[in-house]
Amino acid sequence: MNIDHCKTFAALGDYLKEQATCPDLKQAECKQLYAALEERCQHHCFDSMLYKHRNWFICEGTDAVYIYLYRNWCYQRSLKANRDCLLEIADHIQQDFFCAGGPQITAQEVTHILSTLDECYDFSQKVLGDALLYLLLPNDAHRSFDALCRPYSTTDGQITCDIIMPHIQRDTKTHPGSMLLHELWHLLNIKLTDSLLVVPDIFVLLDRFI
């Protein structure tokens, strides 16, 4: 399997559905694709060491497709298990994402916001720690949200998230940078409570003054 031609999440969903239902799919193909995904992520881990705790990465186009699949695929030694997982990912993509235009935050704007947070508040070290934050800018829109924070557990038990900033379909009056700050607020919530459902006491206190 090769997903280099998948420039959108929607294209990835269609391709995964096609491959996962193909009777000729081999476990070796799954292993090869997962190794390619893992290698790309390992490059980011190495880069984070060079940037001294700047543990956030902006992914666009095919790079966003690669990282999205890697973050959602729990690779298994069983071909059937991999088929089932890839089908599940494909179903979620087809339910959630579709090709569409619209406003979208740029990589330059994301870089400016995160760099400012690092410079002023040491964001990467204090909030992210050793966990990587991926900011995915897909060439797609989402059926329900203009921006989303996807929490997950790392292999060492940390709770973190990726932030996805698709093409905006609903709230075209709010600046995309404000939407990103809102998602980073969710990330901070997760880091403080290990949950999106529990609101930290300090957030409740701050809300009284806003």
N, C-alpha and C. Protein backbone atom coordinates (compact mmCIF):
# COMPACT_ATOMS: atom_id res chain seq x y z
N MET A 1 0.85 -1.20 0.00
CA MET A 1 0.00 0.00 0.00
C MET A 1 0.88 1.24 0.00
N ASN A 2 0.41 2.24 -0.72
CA ASN A 2 1.12 3.50 -0.80
C ASN A 2 0.10 4.63 -0.80
N ILE A 3 0.21 5.55 0.13
CA ILE A 3 -0.79 6.62 0.23
C ILE A 3 -0.24 7.97 -0.24
N ASP A 4 0.90 7.96 -0.95
CA ASP A 4 1.48 9.21 -1.41
C ASP A 4 0.53 10.00 -2.30
N HIS A 5 -0.37 9.31 -2.99
CA HIS A 5 -1.29 9.99 -3.91
C HIS A 5 -2.49 10.59 -3.18
N CYS A 6 -2.63 10.29 -1.89
CA CYS A 6 -3.78 10.79 -1.11
C CYS A 6 -3.47 12.19 -0.59
N LYS A 7 -4.00 13.19 -1.24
CA LYS A 7 -3.74 14.58 -0.86
C LYS A 7 -4.77 15.11 0.13
N THR A 8 -5.84 14.35 0.35
CA THR A 8 -6.90 14.77 1.26
C THR A 8 -7.27 13.61 2.18
N PHE A 9 -7.90 13.94 3.31
CA PHE A 9 -8.43 12.89 4.19
C PHE A 9 -9.50 12.08 3.46
N ALA A 10 -10.32 12.77 2.67
CA ALA A 10 -11.39 12.08 1.94
C ALA A 10 -10.80 11.03 1.00
N ALA A 11 -9.74 11.39 0.30
CA ALA A 11 -9.09 10.43 -0.60
C ALA A 11 -8.49 9.27 0.19
N LEU A 12 -7.95 9.56 1.36
CA LEU A 12 -7.40 8.51 2.21
C LEU A 12 -8.50 7.53 2.63
N GLY A 13 -9.66 8.06 3.02
CA GLY A 13 -10.76 7.20 3.42
C GLY A 13 -11.18 6.26 2.31
N ASP A 14 -11.29 6.79 1.09
CA ASP A 14 -11.68 5.96 -0.04
C ASP A 14 -10.62 4.89 -0.33
N TYR A 15 -9.35 5.28 -0.26
CA TYR A 15 -8.27 4.33 -0.55
C TYR A 15 -8.19 3.23 0.50
N LEU A 16 -8.32 3.60 1.78
CA LEU A 16 -8.27 2.60 2.84
C LEU A 16 -9.43 1.61 2.72
N LYS A 17 -10.61 2.11 2.39
CA LYS A 17 -11.78 1.24 2.22
C LYS A 17 -11.53 0.25 1.08
N GLU A 18 -10.96 0.75 -0.01
CA GLU A 18 -10.67 -0.10 -1.16
C GLU A 18 -9.64 -1.18 -0.82
N GLN A 19 -8.57 -0.77 -0.14
CA GLN A 19 -7.50 -1.71 0.17
C GLN A 19 -7.90 -2.72 1.25
N ALA A 20 -8.60 -2.24 2.27
CA ALA A 20 -8.96 -3.12 3.39
C ALA A 20 -9.98 -4.18 2.98
N THR A 21 -10.75 -3.92 1.94
CA THR A 21 -11.73 -4.90 1.47
C THR A 21 -11.20 -5.75 0.32
N CYS A 22 -9.96 -5.49 -0.11
CA CYS A 22 -9.37 -6.25 -1.20
C CYS A 22 -8.92 -7.63 -0.69
N PRO A 23 -9.36 -8.70 -1.30
CA PRO A 23 -8.98 -10.05 -0.82
C PRO A 23 -7.50 -10.35 -0.98
N ASP A 24 -6.80 -9.58 -1.82
CA ASP A 24 -5.38 -9.83 -2.05
C ASP A 24 -4.46 -9.07 -1.10
N LEU A 25 -5.04 -8.29 -0.19
CA LEU A 25 -4.22 -7.53 0.76
C LEU A 25 -3.36 -8.47 1.59
N LYS A 26 -2.07 -8.14 1.74
CA LYS A 26 -1.13 -8.96 2.49
C LYS A 26 -0.70 -8.22 3.77
N GLN A 27 -0.39 -9.00 4.80
CA GLN A 27 0.10 -8.43 6.05
C GLN A 27 1.39 -7.65 5.82
N ALA A 28 2.22 -8.13 4.90
CA ALA A 28 3.49 -7.45 4.61
C ALA A 28 3.24 -6.04 4.08
N GLU A 29 2.14 -5.83 3.34
CA GLU A 29 1.81 -4.50 2.84
C GLU A 29 1.41 -3.57 3.99
N CYS A 30 0.66 -4.12 4.93
CA CYS A 30 0.27 -3.32 6.11
C CYS A 30 1.52 -2.93 6.91
N LYS A 31 2.40 -3.90 7.08
CA LYS A 31 3.63 -3.65 7.84
C LYS A 31 4.49 -2.59 7.17
N GLN A 32 4.59 -2.67 5.85
CA GLN A 32 5.41 -1.71 5.11
C GLN A 32 4.85 -0.29 5.22
N LEU A 33 3.53 -0.18 5.08
CA LEU A 33 2.91 1.15 5.19
C LEU A 33 3.07 1.71 6.59
N TYR A 34 2.85 0.89 7.60
CA TYR A 34 2.96 1.37 8.97
C TYR A 34 4.40 1.80 9.27
N ALA A 35 5.37 1.07 8.74
CA ALA A 35 6.77 1.43 8.95
C ALA A 35 7.07 2.80 8.33
N ALA A 36 6.48 3.08 7.17
CA ALA A 36 6.68 4.39 6.53
C ALA A 36 6.06 5.50 7.37
N LEU A 37 4.89 5.24 7.95
CA LEU A 37 4.24 6.22 8.82
C LEU A 37 5.09 6.46 10.06
N GLU A 38 5.58 5.38 10.65
CA GLU A 38 6.37 5.47 11.87
C GLU A 38 7.67 6.22 11.63
N GLU A 39 8.28 5.98 10.47
CA GLU A 39 9.54 6.67 10.15
C GLU A 39 9.34 8.18 10.05
N ARG A 40 8.23 8.57 9.46
CA ARG A 40 7.94 10.00 9.34
C ARG A 40 7.76 10.64 10.71
N CYS A 41 7.08 9.94 11.60
CA CYS A 41 6.87 10.46 12.95
C CYS A 41 8.18 10.51 13.72
N GLN A 42 9.05 9.53 13.52
CA GLN A 42 10.34 9.53 14.20
C GLN A 42 11.20 10.70 13.79
N HIS A 43 11.07 11.14 12.55
CA HIS A 43 11.79 12.34 12.10
C HIS A 43 11.34 13.55 12.92
N HIS A 44 10.05 13.61 13.21
CA HIS A 44 9.54 14.72 14.02
C HIS A 44 10.10 14.66 15.44
N CYS A 45 10.20 13.45 16.00
CA CYS A 45 10.77 13.29 17.34
C CYS A 45 12.21 13.79 17.36
N PHE A 46 12.96 13.47 16.32
CA PHE A 46 14.35 13.91 16.23
C PHE A 46 14.42 15.43 16.11
N ASP A 47 13.52 15.99 15.30
CA ASP A 47 13.50 17.44 15.13
C ASP A 47 13.19 18.15 16.45
N SER A 48 12.32 17.54 17.28
CA SER A 48 11.96 18.17 18.55
C SER A 48 13.17 18.30 19.46
N MET A 49 14.10 17.34 19.35
CA MET A 49 15.34 17.41 20.14
C MET A 49 16.21 18.56 19.63
N LEU A 50 16.25 18.75 18.32
CA LEU A 50 17.07 19.82 17.74
C LEU A 50 16.51 21.19 18.10
N TYR A 51 15.17 21.28 18.17
CA TYR A 51 14.53 22.56 18.46
C TYR A 51 14.40 22.83 19.96
N LYS A 52 14.96 21.95 20.78
CA LYS A 52 14.97 22.16 22.24
C LYS A 52 13.56 22.33 22.80
N HIS A 53 12.80 21.27 22.75
CA HIS A 53 11.45 21.22 23.34
C HIS A 53 10.40 21.98 22.55
N ARG A 54 10.68 22.34 21.28
CA ARG A 54 9.60 22.87 20.46
C ARG A 54 8.86 21.67 19.89
N ASN A 55 7.95 21.12 20.69
CA ASN A 55 7.35 19.83 20.36
C ASN A 55 6.05 19.94 19.58
N TRP A 56 5.92 20.90 18.72
CA TRP A 56 4.73 21.01 17.87
C TRP A 56 5.14 21.04 16.40
N PHE A 57 4.30 20.42 15.60
CA PHE A 57 4.61 20.28 14.18
C PHE A 57 3.35 20.55 13.36
N ILE A 58 3.52 21.32 12.31
CA ILE A 58 2.43 21.67 11.41
C ILE A 58 2.50 20.76 10.20
N CYS A 59 1.41 20.09 9.90
CA CYS A 59 1.38 19.14 8.79
C CYS A 59 0.29 19.54 7.81
N GLU A 60 0.66 19.69 6.56
CA GLU A 60 -0.28 20.04 5.50
C GLU A 60 -0.28 18.95 4.43
N GLY A 61 -1.33 18.95 3.60
CA GLY A 61 -1.38 18.06 2.45
C GLY A 61 -1.14 16.60 2.79
N THR A 62 -0.24 15.97 2.02
CA THR A 62 0.05 14.55 2.21
C THR A 62 0.64 14.27 3.59
N ASP A 63 1.42 15.22 4.11
CA ASP A 63 2.02 15.03 5.43
C ASP A 63 0.93 14.92 6.50
N ALA A 64 -0.12 15.72 6.37
CA ALA A 64 -1.25 15.64 7.32
C ALA A 64 -1.95 14.30 7.20
N VAL A 65 -2.07 13.79 5.98
CA VAL A 65 -2.69 12.49 5.75
C VAL A 65 -1.89 11.39 6.43
N TYR A 66 -0.57 11.41 6.27
CA TYR A 66 0.30 10.41 6.89
C TYR A 66 0.14 10.42 8.41
N ILE A 67 0.22 11.60 9.00
CA ILE A 67 0.17 11.69 10.46
C ILE A 67 -1.20 11.30 10.99
N TYR A 68 -2.25 11.70 10.29
CA TYR A 68 -3.60 11.32 10.74
C TYR A 68 -3.74 9.80 10.78
N LEU A 69 -3.28 9.14 9.75
CA LEU A 69 -3.39 7.68 9.72
C LEU A 69 -2.53 7.05 10.82
N TYR A 70 -1.32 7.55 11.00
CA TYR A 70 -0.43 6.99 12.02
C TYR A 70 -1.03 7.15 13.42
N ARG A 71 -1.61 8.28 13.70
CA ARG A 71 -2.16 8.55 15.04
C ARG A 71 -3.41 7.72 15.32
N ASN A 72 -4.08 7.26 14.29
CA ASN A 72 -5.34 6.54 14.48
C ASN A 72 -5.23 5.02 14.28
N TRP A 73 -4.12 4.57 13.74
CA TRP A 73 -3.95 3.15 13.43
C TRP A 73 -3.17 2.46 14.53
N CYS A 74 -3.82 1.54 15.22
CA CYS A 74 -3.14 0.70 16.20
C CYS A 74 -2.71 -0.57 15.49
N TYR A 75 -1.48 -0.58 15.00
CA TYR A 75 -0.99 -1.69 14.16
C TYR A 75 -1.01 -3.01 14.92
N GLN A 76 -1.44 -4.06 14.22
CA GLN A 76 -1.55 -5.40 14.82
C GLN A 76 -0.76 -6.41 13.98
N ARG A 77 -0.40 -7.53 14.59
CA ARG A 77 0.30 -8.59 13.86
C ARG A 77 -0.65 -9.44 13.03
N SER A 78 -1.93 -9.30 13.29
CA SER A 78 -2.94 -10.07 12.57
C SER A 78 -3.46 -9.27 11.38
N LEU A 79 -3.51 -9.87 10.20
CA LEU A 79 -4.03 -9.20 9.02
C LEU A 79 -5.50 -8.82 9.22
N LYS A 80 -6.28 -9.70 9.79
CA LYS A 80 -7.69 -9.41 10.02
C LYS A 80 -7.86 -8.20 10.93
N ALA A 81 -7.05 -8.15 12.00
CA ALA A 81 -7.14 -7.01 12.92
C ALA A 81 -6.78 -5.71 12.21
N ASN A 82 -5.77 -5.74 11.34
CA ASN A 82 -5.40 -4.54 10.60
C ASN A 82 -6.49 -4.16 9.60
N ARG A 83 -7.08 -5.15 8.94
CA ARG A 83 -8.20 -4.86 8.05
C ARG A 83 -9.32 -4.14 8.80
N ASP A 84 -9.67 -4.70 9.97
CA ASP A 84 -10.77 -4.12 10.76
C ASP A 84 -10.46 -2.70 11.19
N CYS A 85 -9.21 -2.47 11.61
CA CYS A 85 -8.82 -1.14 12.07
C CYS A 85 -8.84 -0.14 10.92
N LEU A 86 -8.30 -0.53 9.77
CA LEU A 86 -8.27 0.37 8.61
C LEU A 86 -9.69 0.67 8.11
N LEU A 87 -10.55 -0.33 8.16
CA LEU A 87 -11.95 -0.11 7.78
C LEU A 87 -12.64 0.87 8.73
N GLU A 88 -12.34 0.73 10.00
CA GLU A 88 -12.92 1.64 10.99
C GLU A 88 -12.45 3.07 10.75
N ILE A 89 -11.14 3.24 10.48
CA ILE A 89 -10.61 4.56 10.19
C ILE A 89 -11.26 5.13 8.94
N ALA A 90 -11.39 4.29 7.90
CA ALA A 90 -12.01 4.73 6.65
C ALA A 90 -13.45 5.17 6.88
N ASP A 91 -14.19 4.42 7.68
CA ASP A 91 -15.58 4.77 7.98
C ASP A 91 -15.67 6.12 8.69
N HIS A 92 -14.79 6.33 9.67
CA HIS A 92 -14.79 7.60 10.40
C HIS A 92 -14.48 8.76 9.47
N ILE A 93 -13.49 8.58 8.60
CA ILE A 93 -13.13 9.64 7.66
C ILE A 93 -14.30 9.97 6.75
N GLN A 94 -14.91 8.94 6.18
CA GLN A 94 -16.01 9.16 5.25
C GLN A 94 -17.22 9.80 5.93
N GLN A 95 -17.41 9.51 7.21
CA GLN A 95 -18.51 10.12 7.96
C GLN A 95 -18.22 11.58 8.32
N ASP A 96 -16.93 11.90 8.54
CA ASP A 96 -16.57 13.20 9.11
C ASP A 96 -16.05 14.23 8.11
N PHE A 97 -15.28 13.79 7.11
CA PHE A 97 -14.58 14.74 6.24
C PHE A 97 -15.08 14.66 4.81
N PHE A 98 -15.00 15.81 4.13
CA PHE A 98 -15.35 15.87 2.72
C PHE A 98 -14.54 16.98 2.06
N CYS A 99 -14.33 16.87 0.76
CA CYS A 99 -13.55 17.87 0.04
C CYS A 99 -14.37 19.14 -0.14
N ALA A 100 -13.83 20.26 0.29
CA ALA A 100 -14.51 21.54 0.16
C ALA A 100 -13.51 22.66 0.39
N GLY A 101 -13.81 23.81 -0.18
CA GLY A 101 -12.98 24.98 0.06
C GLY A 101 -13.47 25.73 1.27
N GLY A 102 -12.99 26.97 1.43
CA GLY A 102 -13.37 27.78 2.57
C GLY A 102 -12.14 28.32 3.27
N PRO A 103 -12.32 29.29 4.17
CA PRO A 103 -11.18 29.84 4.91
C PRO A 103 -10.47 28.76 5.72
N GLN A 104 -9.18 28.92 5.88
CA GLN A 104 -8.39 28.00 6.69
C GLN A 104 -7.16 28.73 7.21
N ILE A 105 -6.80 28.44 8.45
CA ILE A 105 -5.60 29.04 9.01
C ILE A 105 -4.39 28.58 8.21
N THR A 106 -3.40 29.44 8.08
CA THR A 106 -2.19 29.09 7.33
C THR A 106 -1.12 28.57 8.27
N ALA A 107 -0.15 27.87 7.70
CA ALA A 107 0.97 27.37 8.49
C ALA A 107 1.74 28.53 9.12
N GLN A 108 1.83 29.65 8.39
CA GLN A 108 2.54 30.81 8.92
C GLN A 108 1.82 31.38 10.15
N GLU A 109 0.49 31.42 10.11
CA GLU A 109 -0.27 31.92 11.26
C GLU A 109 -0.13 30.99 12.46
N VAL A 110 -0.17 29.69 12.21
CA VAL A 110 0.02 28.73 13.30
C VAL A 110 1.40 28.88 13.92
N THR A 111 2.40 29.01 13.07
CA THR A 111 3.78 29.18 13.56
C THR A 111 3.91 30.44 14.42
N HIS A 112 3.29 31.53 13.97
CA HIS A 112 3.35 32.78 14.73
C HIS A 112 2.72 32.62 16.11
N ILE A 113 1.54 32.00 16.17
CA ILE A 113 0.84 31.84 17.46
C ILE A 113 1.62 30.95 18.40
N LEU A 114 2.08 29.78 17.91
CA LEU A 114 2.80 28.85 18.79
C LEU A 114 4.17 29.40 19.20
N SER A 115 4.84 30.08 18.28
CA SER A 115 6.14 30.67 18.61
C SER A 115 5.99 31.76 19.67
N THR A 116 4.93 32.54 19.57
CA THR A 116 4.66 33.59 20.57
C THR A 116 4.39 32.96 21.93
N LEU A 117 3.60 31.87 21.96
CA LEU A 117 3.32 31.18 23.22
C LEU A 117 4.59 30.60 23.82
N ASP A 118 5.48 30.10 22.96
CA ASP A 118 6.75 29.56 23.46
C ASP A 118 7.63 30.67 24.03
N GLU A 119 7.68 31.78 23.31
CA GLU A 119 8.55 32.88 23.72
C GLU A 119 8.05 33.54 25.01
N CYS A 120 6.74 33.70 25.12
CA CYS A 120 6.18 34.44 26.26
C CYS A 120 5.88 33.55 27.46
N TYR A 121 5.50 32.29 27.20
CA TYR A 121 5.02 31.44 28.29
C TYR A 121 5.72 30.08 28.38
N ASP A 122 6.71 29.85 27.52
CA ASP A 122 7.42 28.55 27.53
C ASP A 122 6.43 27.40 27.34
N PHE A 123 5.51 27.60 26.39
CA PHE A 123 4.40 26.69 26.18
C PHE A 123 4.84 25.25 25.93
N SER A 124 5.80 25.04 25.03
CA SER A 124 6.20 23.68 24.67
C SER A 124 6.67 22.88 25.88
N GLN A 125 7.51 23.50 26.68
CA GLN A 125 8.08 22.78 27.81
C GLN A 125 7.07 22.63 28.95
N LYS A 126 6.31 23.68 29.24
CA LYS A 126 5.41 23.64 30.40
C LYS A 126 4.13 22.86 30.13
N VAL A 127 3.63 22.92 28.91
CA VAL A 127 2.34 22.29 28.61
C VAL A 127 2.53 20.97 27.87
N LEU A 128 3.35 20.98 26.83
CA LEU A 128 3.51 19.77 26.03
C LEU A 128 4.44 18.75 26.67
N GLY A 129 5.50 19.23 27.31
CA GLY A 129 6.47 18.30 27.89
C GLY A 129 7.12 17.47 26.81
N ASP A 130 7.13 16.15 26.98
CA ASP A 130 7.74 15.26 26.00
C ASP A 130 6.77 14.82 24.90
N ALA A 131 5.50 15.16 25.04
CA ALA A 131 4.50 14.74 24.06
C ALA A 131 4.53 15.66 22.84
N LEU A 132 4.30 15.07 21.67
CA LEU A 132 4.27 15.85 20.44
C LEU A 132 2.85 16.36 20.18
N LEU A 133 2.76 17.60 19.75
CA LEU A 133 1.48 18.17 19.33
C LEU A 133 1.52 18.33 17.82
N TYR A 134 0.61 17.63 17.15
CA TYR A 134 0.48 17.79 15.71
C TYR A 134 -0.68 18.72 15.41
N LEU A 135 -0.43 19.69 14.55
CA LEU A 135 -1.47 20.59 14.07
C LEU A 135 -1.68 20.27 12.59
N LEU A 136 -2.79 19.61 12.31
CA LEU A 136 -3.06 19.12 10.97
C LEU A 136 -3.95 20.11 10.22
N LEU A 137 -3.50 20.50 9.03
CA LEU A 137 -4.23 21.42 8.17
C LEU A 137 -4.61 20.66 6.89
N PRO A 138 -5.67 19.86 6.95
CA PRO A 138 -6.02 19.03 5.79
C PRO A 138 -6.69 19.84 4.68
N ASN A 139 -6.65 19.29 3.48
CA ASN A 139 -7.33 19.90 2.35
C ASN A 139 -8.80 19.44 2.31
N ASP A 140 -9.44 19.48 3.46
CA ASP A 140 -10.81 18.99 3.61
C ASP A 140 -11.59 19.92 4.53
N ALA A 141 -12.90 19.70 4.56
CA ALA A 141 -13.78 20.31 5.57
C ALA A 141 -14.35 19.20 6.44
N HIS A 142 -14.84 19.59 7.62
CA HIS A 142 -15.45 18.63 8.55
C HIS A 142 -16.95 18.85 8.56
N ARG A 143 -17.70 17.78 8.67
CA ARG A 143 -19.16 17.88 8.58
C ARG A 143 -19.78 18.55 9.81
N SER A 144 -19.07 18.53 10.94
CA SER A 144 -19.66 19.04 12.18
C SER A 144 -18.89 20.19 12.82
N PHE A 145 -17.56 20.26 12.61
CA PHE A 145 -16.74 21.23 13.34
C PHE A 145 -15.83 22.00 12.39
N ASP A 146 -15.54 23.25 12.78
CA ASP A 146 -14.58 24.07 12.04
C ASP A 146 -13.16 23.90 12.59
N ALA A 147 -13.05 23.31 13.76
CA ALA A 147 -11.75 23.00 14.37
C ALA A 147 -12.01 21.93 15.41
N LEU A 148 -11.05 21.04 15.62
CA LEU A 148 -11.27 19.99 16.61
C LEU A 148 -9.97 19.55 17.27
N CYS A 149 -10.14 19.13 18.52
CA CYS A 149 -9.05 18.65 19.35
C CYS A 149 -9.31 17.16 19.60
N ARG A 150 -8.39 16.29 19.17
CA ARG A 150 -8.60 14.84 19.28
C ARG A 150 -7.66 14.28 20.35
N PRO A 151 -8.18 13.99 21.54
CA PRO A 151 -7.33 13.43 22.61
C PRO A 151 -7.03 11.96 22.39
N TYR A 152 -5.91 11.51 22.91
CA TYR A 152 -5.54 10.10 22.87
C TYR A 152 -4.46 9.85 23.92
N SER A 153 -4.22 8.58 24.20
CA SER A 153 -3.19 8.20 25.17
C SER A 153 -1.93 7.78 24.44
N THR A 154 -0.78 8.24 24.92
CA THR A 154 0.50 7.82 24.34
C THR A 154 0.90 6.47 24.92
N THR A 155 1.95 5.88 24.34
CA THR A 155 2.39 4.56 24.80
C THR A 155 2.89 4.58 26.24
N ASP A 156 3.32 5.75 26.72
CA ASP A 156 3.80 5.83 28.11
C ASP A 156 2.72 6.33 29.06
N GLY A 157 1.46 6.36 28.59
CA GLY A 157 0.35 6.68 29.48
C GLY A 157 -0.04 8.14 29.56
N GLN A 158 0.64 9.02 28.80
CA GLN A 158 0.28 10.43 28.82
C GLN A 158 -1.00 10.67 28.01
N ILE A 159 -1.79 11.64 28.45
CA ILE A 159 -2.95 12.08 27.68
C ILE A 159 -2.57 13.35 26.93
N THR A 160 -2.70 13.32 25.63
CA THR A 160 -2.39 14.50 24.84
C THR A 160 -3.40 14.58 23.70
N CYS A 161 -3.13 15.40 22.70
CA CYS A 161 -4.09 15.50 21.60
C CYS A 161 -3.42 16.03 20.35
N ASP A 162 -4.12 15.87 19.24
CA ASP A 162 -3.78 16.54 17.99
C ASP A 162 -4.87 17.58 17.74
N ILE A 163 -4.50 18.63 17.04
CA ILE A 163 -5.47 19.66 16.69
C ILE A 163 -5.62 19.67 15.17
N ILE A 164 -6.86 19.58 14.72
CA ILE A 164 -7.15 19.56 13.29
C ILE A 164 -7.88 20.85 12.93
N MET A 165 -7.35 21.55 11.93
CA MET A 165 -7.92 22.83 11.50
C MET A 165 -8.32 22.70 10.02
N PRO A 166 -9.52 22.17 9.75
CA PRO A 166 -9.96 21.99 8.36
C PRO A 166 -10.43 23.31 7.74
N HIS A 167 -10.89 23.24 6.50
CA HIS A 167 -11.49 24.42 5.87
C HIS A 167 -12.80 24.75 6.59
N ILE A 168 -12.98 26.01 6.91
CA ILE A 168 -14.13 26.44 7.71
C ILE A 168 -15.39 26.49 6.86
N GLN A 169 -16.48 25.91 7.38
CA GLN A 169 -17.75 25.87 6.67
C GLN A 169 -18.85 26.66 7.38
N ARG A 170 -18.73 26.87 8.67
CA ARG A 170 -19.82 27.46 9.45
C ARG A 170 -19.49 28.87 9.94
N ASP A 171 -18.58 28.97 10.89
CA ASP A 171 -18.30 30.27 11.52
C ASP A 171 -17.22 31.01 10.74
N THR A 172 -17.62 31.63 9.63
CA THR A 172 -16.65 32.32 8.79
C THR A 172 -16.32 33.72 9.30
N LYS A 173 -16.99 34.16 10.36
CA LYS A 173 -16.73 35.50 10.89
C LYS A 173 -15.61 35.50 11.94
N THR A 174 -15.43 34.36 12.63
CA THR A 174 -14.37 34.26 13.63
C THR A 174 -13.04 33.99 12.95
N HIS A 175 -12.00 34.70 13.38
CA HIS A 175 -10.68 34.50 12.78
C HIS A 175 -10.18 33.09 13.10
N PRO A 176 -9.59 32.39 12.13
CA PRO A 176 -9.07 31.04 12.37
C PRO A 176 -8.06 30.98 13.52
N GLY A 177 -7.32 32.07 13.73
CA GLY A 177 -6.37 32.10 14.84
C GLY A 177 -7.07 32.00 16.18
N SER A 178 -8.24 32.61 16.30
CA SER A 178 -9.02 32.50 17.54
C SER A 178 -9.51 31.08 17.75
N MET A 179 -9.86 30.41 16.65
CA MET A 179 -10.28 29.01 16.75
C MET A 179 -9.13 28.14 17.24
N LEU A 180 -7.93 28.41 16.75
CA LEU A 180 -6.76 27.65 17.21
C LEU A 180 -6.52 27.87 18.70
N LEU A 181 -6.62 29.10 19.16
CA LEU A 181 -6.44 29.38 20.58
C LEU A 181 -7.49 28.64 21.42
N HIS A 182 -8.70 28.55 20.89
CA HIS A 182 -9.76 27.81 21.59
C HIS A 182 -9.39 26.34 21.72
N GLU A 183 -8.83 25.75 20.66
CA GLU A 183 -8.43 24.34 20.72
C GLU A 183 -7.23 24.15 21.66
N LEU A 184 -6.34 25.11 21.69
CA LEU A 184 -5.21 25.04 22.63
C LEU A 184 -5.69 25.12 24.07
N TRP A 185 -6.80 25.83 24.29
CA TRP A 185 -7.44 25.87 25.61
C TRP A 185 -7.90 24.48 26.01
N HIS A 186 -8.47 23.74 25.05
CA HIS A 186 -8.87 22.35 25.31
C HIS A 186 -7.64 21.50 25.66
N LEU A 187 -6.55 21.72 24.94
CA LEU A 187 -5.32 20.98 25.22
C LEU A 187 -4.84 21.24 26.64
N LEU A 188 -4.86 22.50 27.06
CA LEU A 188 -4.46 22.83 28.42
C LEU A 188 -5.38 22.16 29.42
N ASN A 189 -6.67 22.13 29.11
CA ASN A 189 -7.65 21.44 29.97
C ASN A 189 -7.27 19.97 30.15
N ILE A 190 -6.92 19.31 29.04
CA ILE A 190 -6.53 17.90 29.09
C ILE A 190 -5.29 17.71 29.94
N LYS A 191 -4.32 18.58 29.77
CA LYS A 191 -3.07 18.45 30.51
C LYS A 191 -3.28 18.64 32.02
N LEU A 192 -4.26 19.47 32.39
CA LEU A 192 -4.51 19.73 33.81
C LEU A 192 -5.37 18.66 34.46
N THR A 193 -6.24 18.02 33.68
CA THR A 193 -7.23 17.12 34.28
C THR A 193 -7.22 15.71 33.71
N ASP A 194 -6.47 15.48 32.61
CA ASP A 194 -6.51 14.20 31.88
C ASP A 194 -7.89 13.92 31.30
N SER A 195 -8.67 14.96 31.08
CA SER A 195 -10.03 14.77 30.55
C SER A 195 -10.51 16.06 29.92
N LEU A 196 -11.36 15.91 28.88
CA LEU A 196 -12.02 17.08 28.30
C LEU A 196 -13.32 17.40 29.03
N LEU A 197 -13.77 16.46 29.87
CA LEU A 197 -15.06 16.60 30.53
C LEU A 197 -14.97 17.24 31.91
N VAL A 198 -13.76 17.32 32.46
CA VAL A 198 -13.56 17.92 33.78
C VAL A 198 -12.95 19.31 33.60
N VAL A 199 -13.62 20.31 34.14
CA VAL A 199 -13.14 21.69 34.01
C VAL A 199 -12.29 22.04 35.23
N PRO A 200 -11.04 22.46 35.03
CA PRO A 200 -10.19 22.84 36.16
C PRO A 200 -10.78 24.00 36.95
N ASP A 201 -10.54 24.01 38.25
CA ASP A 201 -11.07 25.08 39.11
C ASP A 201 -10.60 26.46 38.64
N ILE A 202 -9.36 26.54 38.17
CA ILE A 202 -8.82 27.82 37.74
C ILE A 202 -9.57 28.35 36.53
N PHE A 203 -10.07 27.43 35.67
CA PHE A 203 -10.85 27.86 34.50
C PHE A 203 -12.18 28.47 34.96
N VAL A 204 -12.80 27.84 35.97
CA VAL A 204 -14.07 28.34 36.51
C VAL A 204 -13.85 29.74 37.10
N LEU A 205 -12.75 29.90 37.82
CA LEU A 205 -12.45 31.20 38.43
C LEU A 205 -12.22 32.26 37.35
N LEU A 206 -11.43 31.92 36.32
CA LEU A 206 -11.15 32.88 35.25
C LEU A 206 -12.42 33.25 34.50
N ASP A 207 -13.33 32.30 34.35
CA ASP A 207 -14.55 32.55 33.60
C ASP A 207 -15.40 33.65 34.26
N ARG A 208 -15.27 33.82 35.57
CA ARG A 208 -16.03 34.85 36.28
C ARG A 208 -15.56 36.25 35.91
N PHE A 209 -14.32 36.33 35.42
CA PHE A 209 -13.77 37.65 35.11
C PHE A 209 -13.79 37.96 33.62
N ILE A 210 -14.30 37.02 32.82
CA ILE A 210 -14.33 37.21 31.37
C ILE A 210 -15.70 37.74 30.94
